[in-house]
Amino acid sequence: QVQLVESGGGLVQPGGSLRLSCAASGIIFSINAMGWYRQAPGKQRELVATITSGGITTYADSVKGRFTISRDDAKSTVYLRMDSLKPEDTAVYYCSFAVQTRARTWPTDYWGQGSQVTVSS
C-alpha cells in the first residue's frame, strides 16, 4: 500500500507565500506523474499543477507565474511553492501521485489527505 502525507498548509495574507509538501511511503517501484489539485467550497476539484517523471511541468492558467511545482524523487516528494497568493487561492489542496508498485504494471493514482490553504487579511 502507498500513503501520501501532505504538510505546509495554513493561513496567509494576500501577497504572501506558502510551500506545500507531499511525501509518499510504502511499496513504490516508481512514481510517474505528480500533481496538485484544489477544491474550494462549493466548487469542483481542479488541477493546479503537474510534473512528469522527466520534469515537464504544466500549470492552470490561474496560477501560472505564481506557483512552482517541483519534485525530489530521492525523497518521493513533490512540492508546491505558492507566491503572490490571492484570496481566490483559498481551497483544500490535494496531492496525487501515479505510482507503480511493481515493474511492468499500470500506475495507480494515490491521493493525499488534503491541506487547507486560506488566503485572508
Protein backbone atom coordinates (compact mmCIF):
# COMPACT_ATOMS: atom_id res chain seq x y z
CA GLN A 1 0.00 0.00 0.00
CA VAL A 2 1.07 3.57 -0.65
CA GLN A 3 0.41 6.55 1.61
CA LEU A 4 0.76 10.22 0.75
CA VAL A 5 1.18 12.71 3.59
CA GLU A 6 0.84 16.43 2.98
CA SER A 7 2.19 19.31 5.04
CA GLY A 8 2.60 23.07 4.84
CA GLY A 9 -0.90 24.49 4.59
CA GLY A 10 -2.18 27.34 6.71
CA LEU A 11 -3.38 30.92 6.86
CA VAL A 12 -1.54 33.62 4.91
CA GLN A 13 -2.23 37.22 3.98
CA PRO A 14 -2.81 38.23 0.36
CA GLY A 15 0.50 38.60 -1.42
CA GLY A 16 2.16 36.10 0.89
CA SER A 17 3.76 32.74 0.19
CA LEU A 18 3.40 29.14 1.29
CA ARG A 19 5.06 25.87 0.35
CA LEU A 20 3.17 22.60 0.35
CA SER A 21 4.92 19.24 0.55
CA CYS A 22 3.63 15.76 -0.16
CA ALA A 23 5.69 12.67 0.64
CA ALA A 24 4.93 9.11 -0.39
CA SER A 25 5.74 5.98 1.57
CA GLY A 26 5.07 2.28 1.15
CA ILE A 27 5.74 -0.15 -1.65
CA ILE A 28 6.94 2.02 -4.53
CA PHE A 29 8.63 0.80 -7.69
CA SER A 30 8.45 4.15 -9.44
CA ILE A 31 6.44 7.37 -9.41
CA ASN A 32 5.33 8.71 -12.74
CA ALA A 33 3.41 11.97 -12.73
CA MET A 34 2.88 14.00 -9.58
CA GLY A 35 0.30 16.71 -9.26
CA TRP A 36 -1.53 19.18 -7.09
CA TYR A 37 -5.26 19.79 -7.18
CA ARG A 38 -7.51 22.07 -5.17
CA GLN A 39 -11.14 22.29 -4.21
CA ALA A 40 -12.77 25.48 -2.99
CA PRO A 41 -16.08 25.43 -1.09
CA GLY A 42 -18.97 24.80 -3.46
CA LYS A 43 -16.68 24.16 -6.42
CA GLN A 44 -15.34 21.13 -8.22
CA ARG A 45 -11.81 19.90 -7.69
CA GLU A 46 -9.49 21.47 -10.24
CA LEU A 47 -5.98 20.79 -11.46
CA VAL A 48 -3.37 23.23 -10.20
CA ALA A 49 -0.06 21.84 -11.48
CA THR A 50 1.59 18.62 -12.62
CA ILE A 51 5.13 17.40 -13.13
CA THR A 52 6.18 14.34 -15.08
CA SER A 53 8.98 11.93 -14.20
CA GLY A 54 11.05 13.83 -16.78
CA GLY A 55 10.43 17.15 -15.06
CA ILE A 56 7.94 18.62 -17.53
CA THR A 57 5.51 20.91 -15.75
CA THR A 58 2.03 22.19 -16.51
CA TYR A 59 0.01 24.81 -14.67
CA ALA A 60 -3.53 26.06 -14.55
CA ASP A 61 -3.78 29.49 -16.17
CA SER A 62 -4.90 30.98 -12.85
CA VAL A 63 -1.60 30.12 -11.14
CA LYS A 64 0.95 30.50 -13.94
CA GLY A 65 3.82 32.73 -12.89
CA ARG A 66 2.87 32.50 -9.21
CA PHE A 67 3.08 28.78 -8.34
CA THR A 68 6.01 26.42 -8.90
CA ILE A 69 5.83 22.65 -8.74
CA SER A 70 8.96 20.57 -8.16
CA ARG A 71 9.85 17.03 -7.16
CA ASP A 72 12.56 15.18 -5.28
CA ASP A 73 12.49 11.56 -6.40
CA ALA A 74 15.06 10.50 -3.80
CA LYS A 75 12.54 11.54 -1.16
CA SER A 76 9.41 10.55 -3.13
CA THR A 77 8.21 14.08 -2.51
CA VAL A 78 6.51 16.79 -4.51
CA TYR A 79 6.42 20.46 -3.58
CA LEU A 80 4.20 23.38 -4.49
CA ARG A 81 5.67 26.79 -3.92
CA MET A 82 2.88 29.39 -3.92
CA ASP A 83 3.77 33.07 -4.21
CA SER A 84 1.65 36.20 -4.58
CA LEU A 85 -1.28 34.38 -3.05
CA LYS A 86 -4.77 35.73 -3.63
CA PRO A 87 -8.00 35.18 -1.68
CA GLU A 88 -9.30 33.14 -4.62
CA ASP A 89 -6.49 30.63 -3.99
CA THR A 90 -8.26 29.62 -0.79
CA ALA A 91 -9.06 25.92 -1.02
CA VAL A 92 -8.16 22.48 0.19
CA TYR A 93 -5.11 21.34 -1.76
CA TYR A 94 -4.59 17.67 -2.61
CA CYS A 95 -1.51 15.95 -4.00
CA SER A 96 -1.76 12.99 -6.32
CA PHE A 97 0.88 10.53 -7.49
CA ALA A 98 0.72 7.95 -10.27
CA VAL A 99 2.60 5.07 -8.64
CA GLN A 100 3.85 1.78 -9.95
CA THR A 101 4.19 -0.69 -7.10
CA ARG A 102 5.74 -3.34 -9.33
CA ALA A 103 7.55 -3.42 -12.65
CA ARG A 104 5.52 -3.87 -15.84
CA THR A 105 2.24 -2.81 -14.25
CA TRP A 106 -0.01 0.16 -14.87
CA PRO A 107 0.39 3.00 -12.37
CA THR A 108 -2.31 3.62 -9.76
CA ASP A 109 -3.37 7.07 -8.60
CA TYR A 110 -2.97 7.82 -4.90
CA TRP A 111 -4.16 10.92 -3.06
CA GLY A 112 -3.03 12.90 -0.07
CA GLN A 113 -5.33 13.78 2.81
CA GLY A 114 -5.72 17.43 1.79
CA SER A 115 -4.26 20.64 3.21
CA GLN A 116 -6.27 23.76 3.91
CA VAL A 117 -4.83 26.95 2.44
CA THR A 118 -6.59 30.15 3.46
CA VAL A 119 -5.62 33.50 2.00
CA SER A 120 -7.16 36.31 4.00
CA SER A 121 -6.27 39.57 5.66
